[in-house]
Protein backbone atom coordinates (compact mmCIF):
# COMPACT_ATOMS: atom_id res chain seq x y z
CA UNK A 1 0.00 0.00 0.00
CA UNK A 2 1.37 3.40 -1.03
CA UNK A 3 1.12 6.10 1.61
CA UNK A 4 2.44 9.40 2.95
CA UNK A 5 2.05 10.71 6.47
CA UNK A 6 -1.54 10.43 7.73
CA UNK A 7 -2.54 12.12 11.00
CA UNK A 8 -4.16 10.05 13.72
CA UNK A 9 -6.99 12.56 14.06
CA UNK A 10 -8.64 15.25 11.92
CA UNK A 11 -11.66 17.52 12.07
CA UNK A 12 -15.04 17.28 10.40
CA UNK A 13 -18.23 19.34 10.56
CA UNK A 14 -21.55 17.76 11.55
CA UNK A 15 -25.09 19.09 11.70
CA UNK A 16 -25.80 20.01 15.32
CA UNK A 17 -29.45 20.94 14.76
CA UNK A 18 -31.87 21.58 11.94
CA UNK A 19 -32.32 25.14 10.70
CA UNK A 20 -35.74 26.56 11.57
CA UNK A 21 -35.24 30.15 10.37
CA UNK A 22 -31.86 31.38 9.18
CA UNK A 23 -28.71 29.30 9.64
CA UNK A 24 -26.35 30.22 12.49
CA UNK A 25 -23.07 28.84 13.78
CA UNK A 26 -25.04 27.01 16.49
CA UNK A 27 -26.33 24.66 13.77
CA UNK A 28 -22.79 23.33 13.21
CA UNK A 29 -20.61 21.05 15.31
CA UNK A 30 -16.87 20.87 14.58
CA UNK A 31 -15.52 17.61 15.99
CA UNK A 32 -12.25 15.69 15.99
CA UNK A 33 -12.34 12.11 14.73
CA UNK A 34 -9.92 9.26 14.10
CA UNK A 35 -8.48 8.88 10.60
CA UNK A 36 -8.45 5.17 9.77
CA UNK A 37 -6.22 3.35 7.34
CA UNK A 38 -7.71 2.52 3.93
CA UNK A 39 -9.18 -0.95 3.42
CA UNK A 40 -8.99 -2.98 0.24
CA UNK A 41 -9.85 -0.77 -2.75
CA UNK A 42 -9.91 2.38 -0.62
CA UNK A 43 -7.92 5.62 -0.50
CA UNK A 44 -7.31 8.43 1.96
CA UNK A 45 -7.78 11.95 0.59
CA UNK A 46 -6.57 15.16 2.20
CA UNK A 47 -8.95 17.88 1.12
CA UNK A 48 -7.46 21.26 0.25
CA UNK A 49 -10.54 23.31 -0.73
CA UNK A 50 -14.23 23.02 0.14
CA UNK A 51 -16.98 24.77 -1.81
CA UNK A 52 -19.89 26.29 0.14
CA UNK A 53 -23.15 27.21 -1.62
CA UNK A 54 -26.44 28.87 -0.68
CA UNK A 55 -28.44 25.65 -1.05
CA UNK A 56 -26.61 24.22 1.97
CA UNK A 57 -28.87 26.28 4.25
CA UNK A 58 -31.90 24.53 2.75
CA UNK A 59 -30.20 21.14 3.10
CA UNK A 60 -30.07 21.84 6.84
CA UNK A 61 -33.87 22.10 7.13
CA UNK A 62 -35.76 19.06 8.39
CA UNK A 63 -38.66 19.62 5.98
CA UNK A 64 -36.54 20.46 2.91
CA UNK A 65 -37.98 19.25 -0.38
CA UNK A 66 -34.97 19.18 -2.69
CA UNK A 67 -33.68 16.94 -5.50
CA UNK A 68 -30.63 15.99 -3.42
CA UNK A 69 -29.92 14.35 -0.04
CA UNK A 70 -30.52 16.63 2.95
CA UNK A 71 -28.30 16.82 6.03
CA UNK A 72 -29.02 14.69 9.10
CA UNK A 73 -28.43 15.75 12.70
CA UNK A 74 -25.24 14.18 14.06
CA UNK A 75 -23.89 13.31 10.60
CA UNK A 76 -21.07 14.88 8.60
CA UNK A 77 -22.23 17.44 6.05
CA UNK A 78 -21.59 16.69 2.40
CA UNK A 79 -20.24 19.13 -0.15
CA UNK A 80 -17.85 19.21 -3.07
CA UNK A 81 -14.14 19.49 -2.32
CA UNK A 82 -10.81 18.92 -4.05
CA UNK A 83 -7.63 17.47 -2.62
CA UNK A 84 -4.89 14.90 -3.01
CA UNK A 85 -4.65 11.18 -2.40
CA UNK A 86 -2.27 10.63 0.54
CA UNK A 87 -2.70 6.86 0.90
CA UNK A 88 -3.93 4.30 -1.61
CA UNK A 89 -4.91 0.67 -1.37
CA UNK A 90 -6.41 0.72 -4.87
CA UNK A 91 -4.95 0.41 -8.37
CA UNK A 92 -7.33 3.11 -9.59
CA UNK A 93 -5.80 6.05 -7.71
CA UNK A 94 -2.18 6.74 -6.78
CA UNK A 95 -0.68 8.81 -4.01
CA UNK A 96 -0.42 12.37 -5.29
CA UNK A 97 -3.42 12.21 -7.62
CA UNK A 98 -5.69 15.25 -7.48
CA UNK A 99 -9.32 14.26 -6.92
CA UNK A 100 -12.77 15.69 -6.26
CA UNK A 101 -15.21 14.25 -3.73
CA UNK A 102 -18.65 14.99 -2.35
CA UNK A 103 -17.88 14.45 1.36
CA UNK A 104 -15.90 17.62 1.76
CA UNK A 105 -16.83 19.01 5.19
CA UNK A 106 -13.84 17.16 6.64
CA UNK A 107 -10.09 17.48 6.47
CA UNK A 108 -9.45 13.85 5.52
CA UNK A 109 -11.81 11.42 3.78
CA UNK A 110 -11.46 7.64 3.58
CA UNK A 111 -13.50 5.63 1.12
CA UNK A 112 -13.62 3.51 -2.04
CA UNK A 113 -11.53 4.88 -4.88
CA UNK A 114 -14.66 4.88 -7.04
CA UNK A 115 -16.26 7.50 -4.78
CA UNK A 116 -13.71 10.11 -5.93
CA UNK A 117 -13.17 11.62 -9.37
CA UNK A 118 -9.62 11.88 -10.65
CA UNK A 119 -8.97 15.36 -12.00
CA UNK A 120 -7.35 16.12 -15.33
CA UNK A 121 -4.36 18.34 -14.48
CA UNK A 122 -4.34 19.79 -18.01
CA UNK A 123 -7.98 20.89 -18.14
CA UNK A 124 -7.83 23.90 -15.81
CA UNK A 125 -5.10 26.12 -14.34
CA UNK A 126 -5.78 24.79 -10.79
CA UNK A 127 -7.86 22.06 -9.14
CA UNK A 128 -9.96 24.80 -7.55
CA UNK A 129 -11.45 25.54 -10.97
CA UNK A 130 -13.42 22.31 -10.62
CA UNK A 131 -15.30 23.82 -7.67
CA UNK A 132 -17.87 25.94 -9.45
CA UNK A 133 -21.61 25.89 -9.93
CA UNK A 134 -20.90 25.91 -13.63
CA UNK A 135 -23.07 22.93 -14.61
CA UNK A 136 -26.08 24.69 -13.08
CA UNK A 137 -25.36 28.01 -14.79
CA UNK A 138 -24.54 26.33 -18.12
CA UNK A 139 -27.64 24.14 -18.11
CA UNK A 140 -29.84 27.12 -17.24
CA UNK A 141 -28.42 29.44 -19.86
CA UNK A 142 -27.94 26.92 -22.68
CA UNK A 143 -30.73 24.36 -22.26
CA UNK A 144 -33.44 26.21 -20.32
CA UNK A 145 -33.16 29.83 -21.45
CA UNK A 146 -31.62 28.91 -24.81
CA UNK A 147 -29.60 32.12 -25.06
CA UNK A 148 -28.66 33.02 -28.64
CA UNK A 149 -26.85 35.74 -30.52
CA UNK A 150 -28.37 39.18 -30.15
CA UNK A 151 -30.23 38.50 -26.90
CA UNK A 152 -30.49 40.98 -24.07
CA UNK A 153 -30.01 38.99 -20.87
CA UNK A 154 -30.77 39.97 -17.27
CA UNK A 155 -29.15 37.97 -14.44
CA UNK A 156 -30.32 38.53 -10.86
CA UNK A 157 -27.87 37.88 -8.03
CA UNK A 158 -25.18 38.30 -10.66
CA UNK A 159 -22.22 38.51 -8.28
CA UNK A 160 -22.99 35.14 -6.67
CA UNK A 161 -21.68 31.70 -7.47
CA UNK A 162 -24.23 30.90 -10.20
CA UNK A 163 -25.04 34.36 -11.54
CA UNK A 164 -21.40 35.36 -12.04
CA UNK A 165 -21.01 32.35 -14.33
CA UNK A 166 -24.38 32.64 -16.08
CA UNK A 167 -23.70 36.16 -17.30
CA UNK A 168 -20.31 35.23 -18.72
CA UNK A 169 -21.73 32.14 -20.44
CA UNK A 170 -24.38 34.33 -22.07
CA UNK A 171 -21.67 36.67 -23.41
CA UNK A 172 -19.69 33.73 -24.78
CA UNK A 173 -22.83 32.54 -26.60
CA UNK A 174 -23.20 35.88 -28.35
CA UNK A 175 -25.66 37.80 -26.18
CA UNK A 176 -25.80 41.42 -27.33
CA UNK A 177 -26.19 42.85 -23.82
CA UNK A 178 -25.88 41.26 -20.38
CA UNK A 179 -27.22 43.13 -17.35
CA UNK A 180 -26.69 42.07 -13.75
CA UNK A 181 -28.13 43.05 -10.39
CA UNK A 182 -26.14 43.14 -7.16
CA UNK A 183 -26.31 44.68 -3.71
CA UNK A 184 -23.36 47.07 -3.60
CA UNK A 185 -21.33 49.41 -5.79
CA UNK A 186 -18.28 47.21 -5.26
CA UNK A 187 -20.12 44.25 -6.75
CA UNK A 188 -21.44 46.35 -9.63
CA UNK A 189 -17.88 47.43 -10.46
CA UNK A 190 -16.77 43.79 -10.25
CA UNK A 191 -19.45 42.65 -12.70
CA UNK A 192 -18.71 45.33 -15.27
CA UNK A 193 -14.94 45.79 -14.92
CA UNK A 194 -13.84 42.22 -14.24
CA UNK A 195 -16.52 39.84 -15.50
CA UNK A 196 -17.45 41.70 -18.66
CA UNK A 197 -21.12 42.47 -17.97
CA UNK A 198 -22.36 45.32 -20.15
CA UNK A 199 -24.23 46.97 -17.27
CA UNK A 200 -25.25 46.38 -13.67
CA UNK A 201 -27.37 48.09 -11.05
CA UNK A 202 -27.90 48.08 -7.30
CA UNK A 203 -31.27 46.47 -6.63
CA UNK A 204 -31.41 48.29 -3.27
CA UNK A 205 -31.51 51.69 -4.97
CA UNK A 206 -34.68 52.67 -6.78
CA UNK A 207 -37.24 50.35 -8.31
CA UNK A 208 -35.85 47.33 -10.10
CA UNK A 209 -38.25 47.75 -13.00
CA UNK A 210 -37.11 51.36 -13.54
CA UNK A 211 -33.47 50.22 -13.65
CA UNK A 212 -34.31 47.50 -16.15
CA UNK A 213 -36.26 49.81 -18.43
CA UNK A 214 -33.38 52.28 -18.39
CA UNK A 215 -30.70 49.67 -19.14
CA UNK A 216 -32.81 47.59 -21.55
CA UNK A 217 -35.23 50.01 -23.25
CA UNK A 218 -36.22 47.39 -25.84
CA UNK A 219 -36.93 44.80 -23.15
CA UNK A 220 -35.09 41.72 -21.92
CA UNK A 221 -35.10 38.54 -24.01
CA UNK A 222 -33.79 36.28 -21.25
CA UNK A 223 -34.07 36.39 -17.46
CA UNK A 224 -31.83 34.08 -15.43
CA UNK A 225 -33.27 34.34 -11.92
CA UNK A 226 -31.39 33.38 -8.78
CA UNK A 227 -33.26 35.73 -6.43
CA UNK A 228 -37.03 35.79 -6.99
CA UNK A 229 -39.11 38.42 -5.18
CA UNK A 230 -39.27 41.94 -6.59
CA UNK A 231 -36.67 41.15 -9.26
CA UNK A 232 -38.86 38.44 -10.78
CA UNK A 233 -41.88 40.76 -10.76
CA UNK A 234 -39.85 43.52 -12.41
CA UNK A 235 -38.48 41.20 -15.08
CA UNK A 236 -42.01 40.32 -16.17
CA UNK A 237 -42.79 44.02 -16.64
CA UNK A 238 -39.54 44.60 -18.55
CA UNK A 239 -39.78 41.47 -20.70
CA UNK A 240 -39.66 41.63 -24.49
CA UNK A 241 -42.05 39.63 -26.64
CA UNK A 242 -41.39 35.86 -26.38
CA UNK A 243 -38.94 36.32 -23.50
CA UNK A 244 -37.53 33.19 -21.85
CA UNK A 245 -37.20 32.95 -18.06
CA UNK A 246 -34.95 30.37 -16.39
CA UNK A 247 -35.77 30.19 -12.67
CA UNK A 248 -32.77 28.82 -10.81
CA UNK A 249 -33.29 30.03 -7.23
CA UNK A 250 -35.16 32.24 -4.79
CA UNK A 251 -32.35 33.62 -2.67
CA UNK A 252 -34.44 36.51 -1.33
CA UNK A 253 -36.70 33.94 0.32
CA UNK A 254 -33.73 32.02 1.72
CA UNK A 255 -32.28 34.93 3.66
CA UNK A 256 -35.30 36.12 5.61
CA UNK A 257 -37.63 37.84 3.11
CA UNK A 258 -40.78 35.76 3.51
CA UNK A 259 -42.25 37.22 0.31
CA UNK A 260 -39.13 36.53 -1.75
CA UNK A 261 -39.99 32.94 -2.56
CA UNK A 262 -43.59 33.87 -3.47
CA UNK A 263 -43.42 36.73 -6.01
CA UNK A 264 -46.58 37.86 -7.77
CA UNK A 265 -46.96 36.98 -11.43
CA UNK A 266 -48.71 39.51 -13.68
CA UNK A 267 -50.48 36.81 -15.64
CA UNK A 268 -51.97 39.08 -18.30
CA UNK A 269 -48.59 40.61 -19.13
CA UNK A 270 -47.06 37.13 -19.30
CA UNK A 271 -49.84 36.02 -21.67
CA UNK A 272 -49.71 39.06 -23.95
CA UNK A 273 -45.92 38.88 -24.27
CA UNK A 274 -45.94 35.07 -24.42
CA UNK A 275 -43.24 34.78 -21.76
CA UNK A 276 -41.88 31.26 -21.37
CA UNK A 277 -41.23 30.64 -17.65
CA UNK A 278 -39.22 27.51 -16.89
CA UNK A 279 -38.14 26.67 -13.34
CA UNK A 280 -35.42 24.03 -13.20
CA UNK A 281 -33.81 21.83 -10.58
CA UNK A 282 -31.88 18.78 -11.64
CA UNK A 283 -29.16 16.33 -10.86
CA UNK A 284 -26.44 17.09 -13.36
CA UNK A 285 -25.95 14.38 -15.94
CA UNK A 286 -22.45 13.38 -17.08
CA UNK A 287 -23.22 15.01 -20.42
CA UNK A 288 -24.08 18.35 -18.77
CA UNK A 289 -20.95 18.28 -16.63
CA UNK A 290 -18.77 17.37 -19.62
CA UNK A 291 -20.28 20.16 -21.75
CA UNK A 292 -19.61 22.74 -19.03
CA UNK A 293 -16.05 21.57 -18.35
CA UNK A 294 -15.02 21.55 -22.02
CA UNK A 295 -16.47 24.98 -22.73
CA UNK A 296 -15.15 26.49 -19.48
CA UNK A 297 -11.67 25.20 -20.27
CA UNK A 298 -11.80 26.55 -23.83
CA UNK A 299 -13.15 29.95 -22.80
CA UNK A 300 -10.48 30.29 -20.10
CA UNK A 301 -7.70 29.51 -22.60
CA UNK A 302 -9.16 31.99 -25.07
CA UNK A 303 -9.25 34.71 -22.44
CA UNK A 304 -13.04 35.05 -22.69
CA UNK A 305 -13.85 33.93 -19.15
CA UNK A 306 -12.88 34.78 -15.57
CA UNK A 307 -13.11 32.25 -12.73
CA UNK A 308 -15.18 34.28 -10.21
CA UNK A 309 -14.34 33.11 -6.72
CA UNK A 310 -13.51 34.08 -3.16
CA UNK A 311 -11.07 32.05 -1.04
CA UNK A 312 -11.68 32.01 2.71
CA UNK A 313 -8.56 31.16 4.71
CA UNK A 314 -8.45 29.67 8.18
CA UNK A 315 -9.18 25.99 7.73
CA UNK A 316 -12.28 23.89 8.22
CA UNK A 317 -13.34 25.73 11.36
CA UNK A 318 -14.03 28.78 9.19
CA UNK A 319 -16.42 26.91 6.88
CA UNK A 320 -19.62 27.60 8.88
CA UNK A 321 -18.91 31.33 8.98
CA UNK A 322 -18.03 31.29 5.28
CA UNK A 323 -21.50 29.92 4.55
CA UNK A 324 -23.14 32.54 6.77
CA UNK A 325 -21.18 35.33 5.08
CA UNK A 326 -22.14 33.98 1.65
CA UNK A 327 -25.83 34.15 2.59
CA UNK A 328 -25.31 37.72 3.83
CA UNK A 329 -23.87 38.71 0.47
CA UNK A 330 -20.34 39.37 1.70
CA UNK A 331 -18.52 37.29 -0.93
CA UNK A 332 -18.09 37.40 -4.70
CA UNK A 333 -18.56 34.43 -7.00
CA UNK A 334 -17.99 30.86 -5.89
CA UNK A 335 -16.88 30.60 -2.27
CA UNK A 336 -14.05 28.20 -1.45
CA UNK A 337 -12.73 27.48 2.02
CA UNK A 338 -8.97 26.74 2.13
CA UNK A 339 -8.59 23.72 4.39
CA UNK A 340 -4.80 23.31 4.36
C-alpha cells in the first residue's frame, strides 16, 4: 500500500441541529475524529478546498424538499471538495493524484476509490477551478433559457456563485447585452470591470423595474433568476415579446424575506408577451458536466472567461462562517474554504 504521512486525528463538521429560520453557527458542530487506514480498494484523501453554496442552508432544514440528499443531525455534512490522495490501497488512484469528492466538510476522507473523481491536471489552471456551480449556470443558460446571438439577458444575483457564471456564459454565446443586479457598488464594479457584464445596477436603490427599463429600453429577451421576489416581478414588466425565463433560485426567500420565494406573477402581461417561464432543478448528468467543463476550459484559454471566486482562509473551522457570510452577500462568486 502506497502512503504518505496520515494524522491520527482530523476535524469534520456535523449538523448540530436543523435550521428553523436562518442558519447560524449554532447549527454546526466541529468535531475531531480518528483517521483510519484505507481498506482494500480504498484511498485516503486530504482535502485542500471546500466549496460552500447557498443551497446548503436549505439542506439543513428538516422539511426540505430538494432533488438531493438533505443533512441529518449528528452526521457529517456533504459538499464538493478537491484534494490529493495521501494513501492508496487501490490500483485506480495513486498517491499524489488530485481528486474531487462529495464528502468535503472534513479534512481527511477515507473511502472507495470509485467515490472520488480523478482530476485532469491539463484541463484547468488549478484544481480549484473544478469547484464551481458551472453545470447549473450552463444548463440554465444553454438548455433552459436557450440564449442566442443578439439576446439581451438579465441575471439577478449576478455577483454570486451561479449568476457570475451565467452572465459570462451568455456573453460567450453571443448575447448582445448582459445586465446584472447586485447589492453594492463594489459588486457592480466587479461585474462590469472584471466579468465583462455590459451593465449592472444596485437592486437596493430605486425600483428594479425602472433600472431595467433604463438599461434595456427594448426589453429583456432572457431572465436568469437566482433571487425571486421583486426582481422576478420587475423582469415580467420589462420582458420583451417571447422572453424566456430560467428560474434557478429564490435567494431573497432564503435569507429572511418571507415574500421573496412567493413573487406575484402579472399573468396578463405574461400572456400578452408570451413569456416562457421555466423553473429548473436537476441532478447534473455526465453530459451536462462534460459540456460545461469543455467549454469552461476553452473559454479560459481563449481569455473570454474569468473564474469568479472568493477564497476564505483559516481551515475547516471557518467553513460555517463562510456559509453565513455567503448568505449575507459578503462574498463574490464561488466561495471556497482553504482547508490546508
